[in-house]
Amino acid sequence: MENTFHHSVTGVVLAGGKSRRMGRDKAFIPIDGLPIVERIIRLFACKFAAVLVIGGEAERFAGYNVRHHQDIYPGYALGGLYTGLSFAETPYIFVSACDIPYPSGMVMDHLLSLRHGFDAVIAESGNALQPLFAVYGKGCLEAMRLQLEDGNPCILDLFPRITTRTVTPAELASIAGADRCFCNLNTPEDVQQLQIKQ
């Protein structure tokens, strides 16, 4: 399953955050010798026909084989999702935040296998939904646009408005990488803790 290629899905990396708590660009923090964003892009390139990076400075991603777009609704992850879906030429996207150091291809494949008949497939981990390592379909666009134009950027408020498949921790328990693929890095302390665990 790790080598499954998804022709009808575009990989979307959200890179528009300000990284204020980190004090530097989270996307380029090295993990096991590679910047986080490069780890994600490499995985996406093995899975999807196209990879988009949304937000951030375009020149920082010039060395990667990706298409870059600025946020249509800047400043919010929901705006990044909307932008990625708008520019994707496929009916679905798989989105990852740029600060997830250990994205799991097996988890991606499992979430994507559940997408048919749903606008979004979202995992639950750590007693919370994980909307920034998830599947979204074009059917979300209108609900996203209306919510953003109403001035509400909260991603979690989107899910009651669309057809959502929630994947429980029990469903993910036996999948390789599920124990850490939803962890993200927000502060220098998070990076230190990750280095200690390594």
N, C-alpha and C. Protein backbone atom coordinates (compact mmCIF):
# COMPACT_ATOMS: atom_id res chain seq x y z
N MET A 1 0.82 -1.21 0.00
CA MET A 1 0.00 0.00 0.00
C MET A 1 0.86 1.26 0.00
N GLU A 2 2.06 1.20 0.53
CA GLU A 2 2.94 2.37 0.63
C GLU A 2 3.22 2.96 -0.75
N ASN A 3 3.19 2.14 -1.82
CA ASN A 3 3.54 2.62 -3.15
C ASN A 3 2.32 2.97 -4.00
N THR A 4 1.14 3.05 -3.40
CA THR A 4 -0.07 3.39 -4.15
C THR A 4 0.06 4.78 -4.76
N PHE A 5 -0.25 4.88 -6.06
CA PHE A 5 -0.23 6.18 -6.74
C PHE A 5 -1.67 6.60 -6.99
N HIS A 6 -1.98 7.85 -6.66
CA HIS A 6 -3.36 8.35 -6.73
C HIS A 6 -3.47 9.37 -7.87
N HIS A 7 -3.93 8.93 -9.03
CA HIS A 7 -3.97 9.80 -10.21
C HIS A 7 -4.99 10.93 -10.08
N SER A 8 -6.04 10.72 -9.30
CA SER A 8 -7.11 11.72 -9.21
C SER A 8 -6.97 12.63 -7.99
N VAL A 9 -5.76 12.68 -7.43
CA VAL A 9 -5.51 13.47 -6.22
C VAL A 9 -4.29 14.35 -6.43
N THR A 10 -4.36 15.58 -5.95
CA THR A 10 -3.23 16.51 -5.94
C THR A 10 -2.73 16.66 -4.51
N GLY A 11 -1.42 16.64 -4.33
CA GLY A 11 -0.84 16.91 -3.02
C GLY A 11 -0.72 18.41 -2.80
N VAL A 12 -1.18 18.88 -1.65
CA VAL A 12 -1.15 20.32 -1.34
C VAL A 12 -0.44 20.53 -0.02
N VAL A 13 0.61 21.34 -0.04
CA VAL A 13 1.35 21.69 1.17
C VAL A 13 0.99 23.12 1.56
N LEU A 14 0.52 23.30 2.78
CA LEU A 14 0.18 24.64 3.28
C LEU A 14 1.41 25.25 3.93
N ALA A 15 1.91 26.35 3.35
CA ALA A 15 3.14 26.96 3.84
C ALA A 15 2.97 28.44 4.13
N GLY A 16 1.74 28.87 4.39
CA GLY A 16 1.48 30.29 4.56
C GLY A 16 1.53 30.80 5.98
N GLY A 17 1.83 29.93 6.94
CA GLY A 17 1.88 30.36 8.34
C GLY A 17 3.04 31.29 8.61
N LYS A 18 2.94 32.06 9.69
CA LYS A 18 3.97 33.05 10.02
C LYS A 18 5.08 32.50 10.91
N SER A 19 4.89 31.31 11.49
CA SER A 19 5.91 30.67 12.34
C SER A 19 6.35 31.58 13.49
N ARG A 20 5.42 32.37 14.05
CA ARG A 20 5.79 33.33 15.10
C ARG A 20 6.36 32.65 16.33
N ARG A 21 5.71 31.57 16.78
CA ARG A 21 6.18 30.90 18.00
C ARG A 21 7.52 30.20 17.78
N MET A 22 7.77 29.76 16.55
CA MET A 22 9.02 29.07 16.25
C MET A 22 10.17 30.05 16.12
N GLY A 23 9.90 31.25 15.59
CA GLY A 23 10.95 32.23 15.41
C GLY A 23 11.73 32.07 14.11
N ARG A 24 11.40 31.07 13.33
CA ARG A 24 12.00 30.85 12.00
C ARG A 24 11.00 30.03 11.19
N ASP A 25 11.27 29.93 9.89
CA ASP A 25 10.34 29.24 8.99
C ASP A 25 10.30 27.75 9.32
N LYS A 26 9.16 27.29 9.81
CA LYS A 26 9.03 25.88 10.22
C LYS A 26 9.25 24.93 9.05
N ALA A 27 8.88 25.34 7.87
CA ALA A 27 8.95 24.45 6.72
C ALA A 27 10.36 23.96 6.44
N PHE A 28 11.35 24.76 6.83
CA PHE A 28 12.73 24.43 6.48
C PHE A 28 13.57 23.96 7.67
N ILE A 29 12.92 23.60 8.76
CA ILE A 29 13.63 22.98 9.87
C ILE A 29 14.08 21.59 9.43
N PRO A 30 15.39 21.27 9.58
CA PRO A 30 15.85 19.95 9.14
C PRO A 30 15.46 18.84 10.10
N ILE A 31 14.96 17.76 9.55
CA ILE A 31 14.63 16.55 10.30
C ILE A 31 15.31 15.38 9.58
N ASP A 32 16.18 14.68 10.28
CA ASP A 32 16.93 13.58 9.66
C ASP A 32 17.63 14.04 8.38
N GLY A 33 18.15 15.27 8.41
CA GLY A 33 18.95 15.77 7.30
C GLY A 33 18.19 16.44 6.17
N LEU A 34 16.86 16.46 6.25
CA LEU A 34 16.07 17.10 5.19
C LEU A 34 15.11 18.11 5.79
N PRO A 35 14.89 19.25 5.13
CA PRO A 35 13.86 20.18 5.60
C PRO A 35 12.50 19.48 5.63
N ILE A 36 11.69 19.84 6.62
CA ILE A 36 10.37 19.20 6.74
C ILE A 36 9.60 19.27 5.43
N VAL A 37 9.57 20.44 4.82
CA VAL A 37 8.77 20.59 3.60
C VAL A 37 9.27 19.68 2.49
N GLU A 38 10.58 19.45 2.44
CA GLU A 38 11.12 18.55 1.41
C GLU A 38 10.70 17.11 1.67
N ARG A 39 10.63 16.72 2.93
CA ARG A 39 10.17 15.38 3.27
C ARG A 39 8.73 15.17 2.77
N ILE A 40 7.90 16.20 2.98
CA ILE A 40 6.50 16.11 2.54
C ILE A 40 6.41 16.09 1.02
N ILE A 41 7.15 17.00 0.37
CA ILE A 41 7.10 17.08 -1.10
C ILE A 41 7.58 15.78 -1.73
N ARG A 42 8.63 15.19 -1.20
CA ARG A 42 9.14 13.92 -1.75
C ARG A 42 8.08 12.82 -1.65
N LEU A 43 7.42 12.74 -0.51
CA LEU A 43 6.37 11.74 -0.34
C LEU A 43 5.22 12.01 -1.31
N PHE A 44 4.80 13.27 -1.40
CA PHE A 44 3.71 13.62 -2.30
C PHE A 44 4.07 13.31 -3.76
N ALA A 45 5.32 13.56 -4.14
CA ALA A 45 5.74 13.32 -5.52
C ALA A 45 5.65 11.84 -5.89
N CYS A 46 5.77 10.96 -4.90
CA CYS A 46 5.64 9.52 -5.13
C CYS A 46 4.19 9.07 -5.18
N LYS A 47 3.29 9.94 -4.75
CA LYS A 47 1.88 9.56 -4.59
C LYS A 47 0.94 10.22 -5.59
N PHE A 48 1.29 11.44 -6.02
CA PHE A 48 0.34 12.25 -6.77
C PHE A 48 0.96 12.79 -8.05
N ALA A 49 0.12 13.05 -9.05
CA ALA A 49 0.59 13.57 -10.33
C ALA A 49 1.06 15.01 -10.23
N ALA A 50 0.56 15.75 -9.25
CA ALA A 50 0.93 17.16 -9.10
C ALA A 50 1.04 17.50 -7.62
N VAL A 51 1.95 18.43 -7.32
CA VAL A 51 2.12 18.92 -5.95
C VAL A 51 2.04 20.44 -5.98
N LEU A 52 1.19 21.00 -5.13
CA LEU A 52 1.07 22.45 -5.00
C LEU A 52 1.57 22.88 -3.64
N VAL A 53 2.24 24.03 -3.59
CA VAL A 53 2.59 24.67 -2.33
C VAL A 53 1.80 25.97 -2.27
N ILE A 54 1.08 26.15 -1.17
CA ILE A 54 0.23 27.33 -1.02
C ILE A 54 0.80 28.23 0.06
N GLY A 55 1.05 29.50 -0.30
CA GLY A 55 1.55 30.48 0.66
C GLY A 55 3.07 30.44 0.77
N GLY A 56 3.59 31.36 1.58
CA GLY A 56 5.04 31.47 1.73
C GLY A 56 5.66 32.19 0.54
N GLU A 57 6.98 32.31 0.57
CA GLU A 57 7.70 33.01 -0.48
C GLU A 57 8.00 32.04 -1.62
N ALA A 58 7.54 32.37 -2.81
CA ALA A 58 7.66 31.46 -3.95
C ALA A 58 9.10 31.05 -4.22
N GLU A 59 10.04 31.98 -4.06
CA GLU A 59 11.43 31.67 -4.39
C GLU A 59 12.03 30.60 -3.47
N ARG A 60 11.47 30.45 -2.28
CA ARG A 60 11.98 29.43 -1.36
C ARG A 60 11.68 28.02 -1.85
N PHE A 61 10.71 27.90 -2.74
CA PHE A 61 10.32 26.58 -3.24
C PHE A 61 10.74 26.37 -4.69
N ALA A 62 11.58 27.28 -5.20
CA ALA A 62 11.97 27.23 -6.61
C ALA A 62 12.75 25.96 -6.96
N GLY A 63 13.44 25.39 -6.00
CA GLY A 63 14.25 24.20 -6.26
C GLY A 63 13.47 22.90 -6.27
N TYR A 64 12.18 22.98 -6.01
CA TYR A 64 11.35 21.78 -5.97
C TYR A 64 10.43 21.75 -7.19
N ASN A 65 10.08 20.57 -7.61
CA ASN A 65 9.20 20.41 -8.77
C ASN A 65 7.74 20.54 -8.33
N VAL A 66 7.36 21.77 -7.95
CA VAL A 66 6.02 22.04 -7.45
C VAL A 66 5.48 23.30 -8.11
N ARG A 67 4.17 23.46 -8.05
CA ARG A 67 3.54 24.72 -8.44
C ARG A 67 3.24 25.50 -7.18
N HIS A 68 3.52 26.79 -7.20
CA HIS A 68 3.31 27.63 -6.02
C HIS A 68 2.21 28.64 -6.30
N HIS A 69 1.34 28.83 -5.30
CA HIS A 69 0.28 29.84 -5.40
C HIS A 69 0.17 30.57 -4.07
N GLN A 70 -0.10 31.86 -4.14
CA GLN A 70 -0.38 32.61 -2.92
C GLN A 70 -1.84 32.38 -2.51
N ASP A 71 -2.09 32.53 -1.22
CA ASP A 71 -3.44 32.33 -0.69
C ASP A 71 -4.43 33.31 -1.30
N ILE A 72 -5.58 32.79 -1.70
CA ILE A 72 -6.67 33.66 -2.14
C ILE A 72 -7.25 34.40 -0.93
N TYR A 73 -7.34 33.70 0.19
CA TYR A 73 -7.75 34.29 1.47
C TYR A 73 -6.57 34.15 2.43
N PRO A 74 -5.62 35.10 2.44
CA PRO A 74 -4.39 34.92 3.23
C PRO A 74 -4.63 34.97 4.73
N GLY A 75 -3.74 34.29 5.44
CA GLY A 75 -3.72 34.38 6.89
C GLY A 75 -4.40 33.25 7.63
N TYR A 76 -5.06 32.36 6.90
CA TYR A 76 -5.81 31.29 7.56
C TYR A 76 -5.60 29.96 6.84
N ALA A 77 -5.53 28.89 7.62
CA ALA A 77 -5.38 27.56 7.02
C ALA A 77 -6.56 27.23 6.12
N LEU A 78 -7.77 27.63 6.52
CA LEU A 78 -8.94 27.37 5.68
C LEU A 78 -8.80 28.06 4.33
N GLY A 79 -8.22 29.26 4.33
CA GLY A 79 -7.96 29.95 3.08
C GLY A 79 -6.97 29.20 2.21
N GLY A 80 -5.96 28.59 2.85
CA GLY A 80 -5.01 27.77 2.12
C GLY A 80 -5.66 26.54 1.50
N LEU A 81 -6.55 25.92 2.27
CA LEU A 81 -7.29 24.77 1.74
C LEU A 81 -8.12 25.17 0.52
N TYR A 82 -8.81 26.29 0.66
CA TYR A 82 -9.65 26.78 -0.44
C TYR A 82 -8.79 27.06 -1.67
N THR A 83 -7.64 27.68 -1.46
CA THR A 83 -6.75 27.99 -2.58
C THR A 83 -6.25 26.72 -3.25
N GLY A 84 -5.81 25.74 -2.44
CA GLY A 84 -5.33 24.49 -3.00
C GLY A 84 -6.39 23.76 -3.81
N LEU A 85 -7.60 23.69 -3.27
CA LEU A 85 -8.70 23.05 -4.00
C LEU A 85 -9.04 23.80 -5.27
N SER A 86 -8.98 25.12 -5.21
CA SER A 86 -9.32 25.94 -6.38
C SER A 86 -8.35 25.70 -7.53
N PHE A 87 -7.07 25.59 -7.22
CA PHE A 87 -6.05 25.44 -8.27
C PHE A 87 -5.81 23.98 -8.67
N ALA A 88 -6.22 23.04 -7.85
CA ALA A 88 -6.02 21.63 -8.18
C ALA A 88 -6.82 21.26 -9.43
N GLU A 89 -6.23 20.45 -10.28
CA GLU A 89 -6.89 19.99 -11.50
C GLU A 89 -7.47 18.59 -11.33
N THR A 90 -7.56 18.15 -10.08
CA THR A 90 -8.11 16.84 -9.75
C THR A 90 -9.31 17.01 -8.83
N PRO A 91 -10.18 16.00 -8.73
CA PRO A 91 -11.37 16.15 -7.88
C PRO A 91 -11.08 16.16 -6.39
N TYR A 92 -9.90 15.67 -6.00
CA TYR A 92 -9.54 15.63 -4.58
C TYR A 92 -8.13 16.17 -4.37
N ILE A 93 -7.89 16.65 -3.16
CA ILE A 93 -6.53 16.98 -2.72
C ILE A 93 -6.24 16.23 -1.43
N PHE A 94 -4.97 15.95 -1.22
CA PHE A 94 -4.52 15.55 0.11
C PHE A 94 -3.66 16.69 0.62
N VAL A 95 -4.01 17.22 1.78
CA VAL A 95 -3.33 18.39 2.30
C VAL A 95 -2.45 18.02 3.48
N SER A 96 -1.30 18.69 3.56
CA SER A 96 -0.45 18.58 4.74
C SER A 96 0.03 19.96 5.12
N ALA A 97 0.01 20.25 6.42
CA ALA A 97 0.70 21.44 6.90
C ALA A 97 2.19 21.25 6.67
N CYS A 98 2.94 22.34 6.60
CA CYS A 98 4.37 22.26 6.28
C CYS A 98 5.23 21.95 7.50
N ASP A 99 4.60 21.72 8.66
CA ASP A 99 5.37 21.49 9.89
C ASP A 99 5.14 20.10 10.47
N ILE A 100 4.77 19.15 9.61
CA ILE A 100 4.57 17.76 10.04
C ILE A 100 5.81 16.97 9.67
N PRO A 101 6.66 16.63 10.64
CA PRO A 101 7.96 16.05 10.31
C PRO A 101 7.93 14.60 9.83
N TYR A 102 6.88 13.86 10.19
CA TYR A 102 6.84 12.44 9.84
C TYR A 102 5.53 12.07 9.14
N PRO A 103 5.29 12.60 7.94
CA PRO A 103 4.08 12.23 7.22
C PRO A 103 4.13 10.75 6.84
N SER A 104 3.02 10.07 6.96
CA SER A 104 2.96 8.63 6.69
C SER A 104 2.21 8.35 5.40
N GLY A 105 2.90 7.71 4.46
CA GLY A 105 2.24 7.31 3.23
C GLY A 105 1.15 6.29 3.45
N MET A 106 1.33 5.42 4.44
CA MET A 106 0.31 4.41 4.73
C MET A 106 -0.97 5.05 5.26
N VAL A 107 -0.82 6.05 6.11
CA VAL A 107 -1.99 6.76 6.63
C VAL A 107 -2.68 7.51 5.48
N MET A 108 -1.88 8.16 4.65
CA MET A 108 -2.45 8.86 3.49
C MET A 108 -3.28 7.91 2.64
N ASP A 109 -2.70 6.75 2.33
CA ASP A 109 -3.41 5.78 1.49
C ASP A 109 -4.73 5.34 2.13
N HIS A 110 -4.70 5.14 3.44
CA HIS A 110 -5.92 4.69 4.12
C HIS A 110 -7.00 5.78 4.06
N LEU A 111 -6.62 7.01 4.37
CA LEU A 111 -7.60 8.10 4.32
C LEU A 111 -8.16 8.27 2.91
N LEU A 112 -7.28 8.18 1.93
CA LEU A 112 -7.73 8.34 0.54
C LEU A 112 -8.64 7.20 0.09
N SER A 113 -8.43 6.01 0.62
CA SER A 113 -9.27 4.87 0.25
C SER A 113 -10.71 5.04 0.70
N LEU A 114 -10.94 5.96 1.63
CA LEU A 114 -12.28 6.18 2.18
C LEU A 114 -13.00 7.38 1.56
N ARG A 115 -12.39 8.04 0.59
CA ARG A 115 -12.90 9.34 0.14
C ARG A 115 -14.18 9.28 -0.68
N HIS A 116 -14.46 8.18 -1.34
CA HIS A 116 -15.58 8.15 -2.27
C HIS A 116 -16.91 8.30 -1.53
N GLY A 117 -17.70 9.28 -1.99
CA GLY A 117 -18.97 9.57 -1.35
C GLY A 117 -18.88 10.62 -0.26
N PHE A 118 -17.67 11.16 -0.03
CA PHE A 118 -17.48 12.16 1.02
C PHE A 118 -16.78 13.39 0.45
N ASP A 119 -17.05 14.55 1.07
CA ASP A 119 -16.34 15.78 0.71
C ASP A 119 -14.99 15.87 1.40
N ALA A 120 -14.86 15.23 2.56
CA ALA A 120 -13.61 15.28 3.32
C ALA A 120 -13.45 14.01 4.13
N VAL A 121 -12.20 13.62 4.33
CA VAL A 121 -11.87 12.49 5.21
C VAL A 121 -10.84 13.00 6.21
N ILE A 122 -11.24 13.00 7.50
CA ILE A 122 -10.44 13.61 8.56
C ILE A 122 -10.19 12.57 9.64
N ALA A 123 -8.94 12.44 10.05
CA ALA A 123 -8.61 11.52 11.14
C ALA A 123 -8.80 12.20 12.49
N GLU A 124 -9.10 11.37 13.48
CA GLU A 124 -9.12 11.82 14.86
C GLU A 124 -7.91 11.23 15.56
N SER A 125 -7.14 12.07 16.25
CA SER A 125 -5.95 11.61 16.96
C SER A 125 -5.72 12.53 18.14
N GLY A 126 -5.32 11.97 19.28
CA GLY A 126 -5.10 12.81 20.45
C GLY A 126 -6.34 13.55 20.89
N ASN A 127 -7.50 12.90 20.77
CA ASN A 127 -8.79 13.49 21.17
C ASN A 127 -9.15 14.74 20.37
N ALA A 128 -8.63 14.86 19.18
CA ALA A 128 -8.94 16.02 18.34
C ALA A 128 -8.94 15.62 16.88
N LEU A 129 -9.72 16.35 16.07
CA LEU A 129 -9.67 16.15 14.64
C LEU A 129 -8.36 16.72 14.09
N GLN A 130 -7.88 16.14 13.00
CA GLN A 130 -6.60 16.53 12.41
C GLN A 130 -6.83 17.01 10.97
N PRO A 131 -7.31 18.25 10.82
CA PRO A 131 -7.72 18.73 9.49
C PRO A 131 -6.58 19.10 8.56
N LEU A 132 -5.34 19.12 9.07
CA LEU A 132 -4.22 19.54 8.23
C LEU A 132 -3.33 18.39 7.80
N PHE A 133 -3.85 17.17 7.88
CA PHE A 133 -3.26 16.01 7.23
C PHE A 133 -4.46 15.16 6.83
N ALA A 134 -5.10 15.56 5.73
CA ALA A 134 -6.46 15.07 5.46
C ALA A 134 -6.79 15.18 3.98
N VAL A 135 -7.96 14.65 3.64
CA VAL A 135 -8.46 14.61 2.26
C VAL A 135 -9.62 15.60 2.11
N TYR A 136 -9.61 16.36 1.01
CA TYR A 136 -10.71 17.26 0.71
C TYR A 136 -11.07 17.14 -0.77
N GLY A 137 -12.37 17.22 -1.06
CA GLY A 137 -12.84 17.16 -2.43
C GLY A 137 -13.38 18.50 -2.90
N LYS A 138 -13.55 18.62 -4.21
CA LYS A 138 -14.05 19.87 -4.79
C LYS A 138 -15.42 20.25 -4.25
N GLY A 139 -16.16 19.27 -3.74
CA GLY A 139 -17.46 19.56 -3.17
C GLY A 139 -17.42 20.46 -1.96
N CYS A 140 -16.23 20.67 -1.40
CA CYS A 140 -16.06 21.56 -0.24
C CYS A 140 -16.00 23.03 -0.62
N LEU A 141 -15.70 23.32 -1.88
CA LEU A 141 -15.33 24.69 -2.25
C LEU A 141 -16.39 25.73 -1.89
N GLU A 142 -17.64 25.46 -2.21
CA GLU A 142 -18.67 26.46 -1.97
C GLU A 142 -18.85 26.71 -0.48
N ALA A 143 -18.86 25.65 0.32
CA ALA A 143 -19.00 25.82 1.77
C ALA A 143 -17.81 26.58 2.34
N MET A 144 -16.61 26.29 1.85
CA MET A 144 -15.42 27.02 2.29
C MET A 144 -15.53 28.50 1.94
N ARG A 145 -15.91 28.78 0.69
CA ARG A 145 -16.00 30.17 0.24
C ARG A 145 -17.00 30.95 1.08
N LEU A 146 -18.17 30.38 1.29
CA LEU A 146 -19.20 31.07 2.06
C LEU A 146 -18.74 31.32 3.49
N GLN A 147 -18.08 30.33 4.08
CA GLN A 147 -17.61 30.49 5.45
C GLN A 147 -16.54 31.58 5.54
N LEU A 148 -15.61 31.58 4.59
CA LEU A 148 -14.56 32.60 4.59
C LEU A 148 -15.14 33.99 4.35
N GLU A 149 -16.11 34.10 3.45
CA GLU A 149 -16.71 35.40 3.18
C GLU A 149 -17.56 35.88 4.35
N ASP A 150 -18.00 34.94 5.18
CA ASP A 150 -18.71 35.30 6.42
C ASP A 150 -17.75 35.74 7.52
N GLY A 151 -16.44 35.65 7.25
CA GLY A 151 -15.44 36.06 8.24
C GLY A 151 -15.13 35.00 9.27
N ASN A 152 -15.44 33.75 8.98
CA ASN A 152 -15.18 32.66 9.92
C ASN A 152 -14.12 31.73 9.34
N PRO A 153 -12.86 31.83 9.80
CA PRO A 153 -11.79 31.00 9.25
C PRO A 153 -11.58 29.67 9.98
N CYS A 154 -12.44 29.32 10.92
CA CYS A 154 -12.23 28.12 11.73
C CYS A 154 -12.51 26.86 10.91
N ILE A 155 -11.48 26.05 10.69
CA ILE A 155 -11.65 24.84 9.88
C ILE A 155 -12.68 23.90 10.49
N LEU A 156 -12.68 23.77 11.80
CA LEU A 156 -13.58 22.81 12.44
C LEU A 156 -15.05 23.15 12.20
N ASP A 157 -15.34 24.43 11.95
CA ASP A 157 -16.72 24.82 11.66
C ASP A 157 -17.16 24.41 10.25
N LEU A 158 -16.20 24.00 9.43
CA LEU A 158 -16.54 23.57 8.08
C LEU A 158 -17.24 22.22 8.06
N PHE A 159 -16.83 21.31 8.93
CA PHE A 159 -17.24 19.91 8.79
C PHE A 159 -18.74 19.66 8.93
N PRO A 160 -19.46 20.38 9.77
CA PRO A 160 -20.92 20.18 9.79
C PRO A 160 -21.61 20.63 8.49
N ARG A 161 -20.92 21.42 7.68
CA ARG A 161 -21.50 21.97 6.45
C ARG A 161 -21.28 21.06 5.24
N ILE A 162 -20.42 20.05 5.40
CA ILE A 162 -20.08 19.17 4.28
C ILE A 162 -20.26 17.72 4.71
N THR A 163 -20.11 16.81 3.76
CA THR A 163 -20.19 15.38 4.06
C THR A 163 -18.81 14.89 4.47
N THR A 164 -18.65 14.61 5.74
CA THR A 164 -17.33 14.31 6.30
C THR A 164 -17.26 12.88 6.81
N ARG A 165 -16.19 12.20 6.48
CA ARG A 165 -15.90 10.88 7.04
C ARG A 165 -14.82 11.06 8.11
N THR A 166 -15.16 10.79 9.36
CA THR A 166 -14.20 10.87 10.45
C THR A 166 -13.60 9.49 10.68
N VAL A 167 -12.28 9.42 10.71
CA VAL A 167 -11.57 8.16 10.91
C VAL A 167 -11.10 8.09 12.36
N THR A 168 -11.52 7.07 13.06
CA THR A 168 -11.26 6.96 14.50
C THR A 168 -9.84 6.45 14.77
N PRO A 169 -9.32 6.70 15.97
CA PRO A 169 -8.01 6.15 16.34
C PRO A 169 -7.96 4.63 16.21
N ALA A 170 -9.06 3.95 16.52
CA ALA A 170 -9.08 2.49 16.41
C ALA A 170 -8.85 2.04 14.97
N GLU A 171 -9.39 2.80 14.02
CA GLU A 171 -9.21 2.45 12.61
C GLU A 171 -7.76 2.62 12.16
N LEU A 172 -7.05 3.53 12.81
CA LEU A 172 -5.67 3.82 12.42
C LEU A 172 -4.64 3.04 13.22
N ALA A 173 -5.08 2.35 14.25
CA ALA A 173 -4.15 1.75 15.22
C ALA A 173 -3.13 0.82 14.60
N SER A 174 -3.51 0.10 13.56
CA SER A 174 -2.61 -0.90 12.98
C SER A 174 -1.83 -0.37 11.77
N ILE A 175 -1.95 0.92 11.48
CA ILE A 175 -1.32 1.48 10.28
C ILE A 175 0.02 2.11 10.64
N ALA A 176 1.04 1.73 9.90
CA ALA A 176 2.39 2.21 10.16
C ALA A 176 2.46 3.73 10.06
N GLY A 177 3.05 4.35 11.06
CA GLY A 177 3.25 5.80 11.07
C GLY A 177 2.13 6.60 11.67
N ALA A 178 1.00 5.93 11.99
CA ALA A 178 -0.16 6.67 12.51
C ALA A 178 0.11 7.26 13.88
N ASP A 179 1.08 6.70 14.60
CA ASP A 179 1.36 7.18 15.96
C ASP A 179 2.04 8.53 15.98
N ARG A 180 2.63 8.95 14.85
CA ARG A 180 3.34 10.24 14.89
C ARG A 180 3.10 11.15 13.68
N CYS A 181 2.28 10.71 12.72
CA CYS A 181 2.15 11.53 11.51
C CYS A 181 1.27 12.76 11.72
N PHE A 182 0.57 12.85 12.85
CA PHE A 182 -0.26 14.04 13.11
C PHE A 182 0.43 15.03 14.04
N CYS A 183 1.66 14.72 14.44
CA CYS A 183 2.41 15.64 15.30
C CYS A 183 2.99 16.76 14.45
N ASN A 184 2.89 17.99 14.95
CA ASN A 184 3.50 19.10 14.24
C ASN A 184 4.40 19.88 15.18
N LEU A 185 5.23 20.73 14.61
CA LEU A 185 6.21 21.49 15.37
C LEU A 185 5.82 22.96 15.38
N ASN A 186 5.60 23.51 16.57
CA ASN A 186 5.19 24.91 16.68
C ASN A 186 6.20 25.80 17.39
N THR A 187 7.03 25.21 18.26
CA THR A 187 7.96 25.99 19.08
C THR A 187 9.35 25.35 19.05
N PRO A 188 10.39 26.11 19.43
CA PRO A 188 11.73 25.50 19.55
C PRO A 188 11.74 24.32 20.53
N GLU A 189 10.89 24.39 21.55
CA GLU A 189 10.81 23.28 22.52
C GLU A 189 10.29 22.01 21.86
N ASP A 190 9.35 22.16 20.92
CA ASP A 190 8.86 20.99 20.18
C ASP A 190 9.99 20.32 19.41
N VAL A 191 10.85 21.14 18.80
CA VAL A 191 11.98 20.60 18.04
C VAL A 191 12.95 19.89 18.97
N GLN A 192 13.23 20.49 20.12
CA GLN A 192 14.13 19.87 21.09
C GLN A 192 13.58 18.53 21.57
N GLN A 193 12.29 18.47 21.86
CA GLN A 193 11.68 17.23 22.31
C GLN A 193 11.77 16.15 21.23
N LEU A 194 11.59 16.55 19.98
CA LEU A 194 11.69 15.59 18.88
C LEU A 194 13.11 15.06 18.77
N GLN A 195 14.10 15.94 18.92
CA GLN A 195 15.50 15.52 18.84
C GLN A 195 15.86 14.58 19.98
N ILE A 196 15.30 14.81 21.16
CA ILE A 196 15.55 13.93 22.31
C ILE A 196 14.99 12.54 22.03
N LYS A 197 13.79 12.48 21.45
CA LYS A 197 13.15 11.19 21.17
C LYS A 197 13.91 10.41 20.11
N GLN A 198 14.62 11.14 19.23
CA GLN A 198 15.39 10.45 18.19
C GLN A 198 16.62 9.80 18.79
